[in-house]
Amino acid sequence: MKRHTRLTLIHCNPEPAPKTGNDPASQLIDPTSQMQADIALGFAEQCLCETREDLIEYARRNGLVNHLRFFLERRNRLDLEWWLWLDALDKTDQPREV
């Protein structure tokens, strides 16, 4: 008898988090939705996305751009190139080549 495992991706609220200022770190994100976003982004990073651009596109399509910034910060992976990509998304909602 085979066991079937079902993987359910969690879809987070696609609306952007409210901003309290110009500082991206001051964006208010509900901890529960951030945890759900971490699960979705971690899965996408490990299983679906081969490049940085793929992960950014996944986050953009699923309304997780604000969550992506915190996801990377907590993993100490928010380098200059990531900042440039995320800054471009904040301004245009479209990634740009850096």
C-alpha atoms as a PDB file:
ATOM      1  CA  MET A   1       0.000   0.000   0.000  1.00  0.00           C
ATOM      2  CA  LYS A   2       1.489   3.310  -1.109  1.00  0.00           C
ATOM      3  CA  ARG A   3       1.227   6.463   0.894  1.00  0.00           C
ATOM      4  CA  HIS A   4       0.623   9.641  -1.009  1.00  0.00           C
ATOM      5  CA  THR A   5       1.930  12.896   0.328  1.00  0.00           C
ATOM      6  CA  ARG A   6       0.202  16.078  -0.681  1.00  0.00           C
ATOM      7  CA  LEU A   7       2.182  19.301  -0.643  1.00  0.00           C
ATOM      8  CA  THR A   8       0.082  22.396  -0.236  1.00  0.00           C
ATOM      9  CA  LEU A   9       1.703  25.723  -0.971  1.00  0.00           C
ATOM     10  CA  ILE A  10       0.524  28.498   1.255  1.00  0.00           C
ATOM     11  CA  HIS A  11      -0.669  31.572  -0.596  1.00  0.00           C
ATOM     12  CA  CYS A  12      -0.100  34.727   1.407  1.00  0.00           C
ATOM     13  CA  ASN A  13      -2.104  37.899   1.156  1.00  0.00           C
ATOM     14  CA  PRO A  14      -0.893  39.560  -2.077  1.00  0.00           C
ATOM     15  CA  GLU A  15      -1.521  43.059  -0.760  1.00  0.00           C
ATOM     16  CA  PRO A  16       1.655  44.913   0.210  1.00  0.00           C
ATOM     17  CA  ALA A  17       2.350  45.450   3.876  1.00  0.00           C
ATOM     18  CA  PRO A  18       1.591  48.944   5.163  1.00  0.00           C
ATOM     19  CA  LYS A  19       4.645  51.189   5.350  1.00  0.00           C
ATOM     20  CA  THR A  20       5.483  53.342   8.336  1.00  0.00           C
ATOM     21  CA  GLY A  21       8.246  55.256   6.573  1.00  0.00           C
ATOM     22  CA  ASN A  22      10.719  55.103   3.725  1.00  0.00           C
ATOM     23  CA  ASP A  23      12.856  52.502   5.475  1.00  0.00           C
ATOM     24  CA  PRO A  24      12.009  49.024   4.098  1.00  0.00           C
ATOM     25  CA  ALA A  25      12.881  47.509   7.472  1.00  0.00           C
ATOM     26  CA  SER A  26      10.040  49.492   9.029  1.00  0.00           C
ATOM     27  CA  GLN A  27       7.370  47.749   6.960  1.00  0.00           C
ATOM     28  CA  LEU A  28       4.848  46.042   9.200  1.00  0.00           C
ATOM     29  CA  ILE A  29       4.356  42.367   8.407  1.00  0.00           C
ATOM     30  CA  ASP A  30       2.156  40.051  10.415  1.00  0.00           C
ATOM     31  CA  PRO A  31       4.365  37.324  12.004  1.00  0.00           C
ATOM     32  CA  THR A  32       1.943  34.569  10.977  1.00  0.00           C
ATOM     33  CA  SER A  33       1.927  35.600   7.346  1.00  0.00           C
ATOM     34  CA  GLN A  34       5.724  35.999   7.484  1.00  0.00           C
ATOM     35  CA  MET A  35       6.038  32.424   8.739  1.00  0.00           C
ATOM     36  CA  GLN A  36       3.797  31.227   5.900  1.00  0.00           C
ATOM     37  CA  ALA A  37       5.827  33.288   3.433  1.00  0.00           C
ATOM     38  CA  ASP A  38       9.062  31.780   4.801  1.00  0.00           C
ATOM     39  CA  ILE A  39       7.701  28.299   4.131  1.00  0.00           C
ATOM     40  CA  ALA A  40       6.636  29.216   0.596  1.00  0.00           C
ATOM     41  CA  LEU A  41       9.889  31.068  -0.193  1.00  0.00           C
ATOM     42  CA  GLY A  42      12.048  28.325   1.341  1.00  0.00           C
ATOM     43  CA  PHE A  43      10.282  25.703  -0.759  1.00  0.00           C
ATOM     44  CA  ALA A  44      10.547  27.851  -3.886  1.00  0.00           C
ATOM     45  CA  GLU A  45      14.240  28.512  -3.275  1.00  0.00           C
ATOM     46  CA  GLN A  46      15.050  24.828  -2.743  1.00  0.00           C
ATOM     47  CA  CYS A  47      12.761  23.189  -5.300  1.00  0.00           C
ATOM     48  CA  LEU A  48      11.418  25.606  -7.901  1.00  0.00           C
ATOM     49  CA  CYS A  49      13.903  28.401  -8.515  1.00  0.00           C
ATOM     50  CA  GLU A  50      17.306  27.923 -10.081  1.00  0.00           C
ATOM     51  CA  THR A  51      18.449  31.550 -10.073  1.00  0.00           C
ATOM     52  CA  ARG A  52      18.060  34.725  -8.076  1.00  0.00           C
ATOM     53  CA  GLU A  53      15.860  36.089 -10.853  1.00  0.00           C
ATOM     54  CA  ASP A  54      13.556  33.054 -10.600  1.00  0.00           C
ATOM     55  CA  LEU A  55      13.090  33.582  -6.860  1.00  0.00           C
ATOM     56  CA  ILE A  56      12.385  37.284  -7.343  1.00  0.00           C
ATOM     57  CA  GLU A  57       9.845  36.512 -10.067  1.00  0.00           C
ATOM     58  CA  TYR A  58       8.198  33.892  -7.823  1.00  0.00           C
ATOM     59  CA  ALA A  59       7.965  36.425  -4.980  1.00  0.00           C
ATOM     60  CA  ARG A  60       6.604  39.113  -7.311  1.00  0.00           C
ATOM     61  CA  ARG A  61       3.934  36.858  -8.839  1.00  0.00           C
ATOM     62  CA  ASN A  62       2.780  35.682  -5.405  1.00  0.00           C
ATOM     63  CA  GLY A  63       2.827  39.026  -3.585  1.00  0.00           C
ATOM     64  CA  LEU A  64       5.813  38.079  -1.426  1.00  0.00           C
ATOM     65  CA  VAL A  65       8.335  40.813  -2.310  1.00  0.00           C
ATOM     66  CA  ASN A  66       8.147  42.457   1.141  1.00  0.00           C
ATOM     67  CA  HIS A  67       8.452  39.030   2.741  1.00  0.00           C
ATOM     68  CA  LEU A  68      11.451  38.159   0.540  1.00  0.00           C
ATOM     69  CA  ARG A  69      13.467  41.029   2.006  1.00  0.00           C
ATOM     70  CA  PHE A  70      12.928  39.750   5.576  1.00  0.00           C
ATOM     71  CA  PHE A  71      13.438  36.129   4.463  1.00  0.00           C
ATOM     72  CA  LEU A  72      16.900  37.040   3.145  1.00  0.00           C
ATOM     73  CA  GLU A  73      17.794  39.283   6.103  1.00  0.00           C
ATOM     74  CA  ARG A  74      17.157  36.519   8.624  1.00  0.00           C
ATOM     75  CA  ARG A  75      19.426  34.198   6.658  1.00  0.00           C
ATOM     76  CA  ASN A  76      22.189  36.828   6.373  1.00  0.00           C
ATOM     77  CA  ARG A  77      21.968  36.628   2.587  1.00  0.00           C
ATOM     78  CA  LEU A  78      20.832  40.158   1.778  1.00  0.00           C
ATOM     79  CA  ASP A  79      23.890  41.323  -0.161  1.00  0.00           C
ATOM     80  CA  LEU A  80      24.254  44.395  -2.391  1.00  0.00           C
ATOM     81  CA  GLU A  81      22.973  42.630  -5.499  1.00  0.00           C
ATOM     82  CA  TRP A  82      19.823  41.528  -3.650  1.00  0.00           C
ATOM     83  CA  TRP A  83      19.304  45.088  -2.394  1.00  0.00           C
ATOM     84  CA  LEU A  84      19.544  46.431  -5.958  1.00  0.00           C
ATOM     85  CA  TRP A  85      17.022  43.894  -7.239  1.00  0.00           C
ATOM     86  CA  LEU A  86      14.565  44.531  -4.392  1.00  0.00           C
ATOM     87  CA  ASP A  87      14.993  48.297  -4.645  1.00  0.00           C
ATOM     88  CA  ALA A  88      14.148  48.107  -8.349  1.00  0.00           C
ATOM     89  CA  LEU A  89      11.052  46.054  -7.527  1.00  0.00           C
ATOM     90  CA  ASP A  90       9.958  48.570  -4.897  1.00  0.00           C
ATOM     91  CA  LYS A  91      10.094  51.338  -7.498  1.00  0.00           C
ATOM     92  CA  THR A  92       8.745  49.602 -10.599  1.00  0.00           C
ATOM     93  CA  ASP A  93       7.362  46.202  -9.533  1.00  0.00           C
ATOM     94  CA  GLN A  94       9.543  44.775 -12.317  1.00  0.00           C
ATOM     95  CA  PRO A  95      13.027  43.312 -11.823  1.00  0.00           C
ATOM     96  CA  ARG A  96      15.891  44.963 -13.662  1.00  0.00           C
ATOM     97  CA  GLU A  97      19.261  43.721 -14.751  1.00  0.00           C
ATOM     98  CA  VAL A  98      22.141  44.774 -12.491  1.00  0.00           C
END
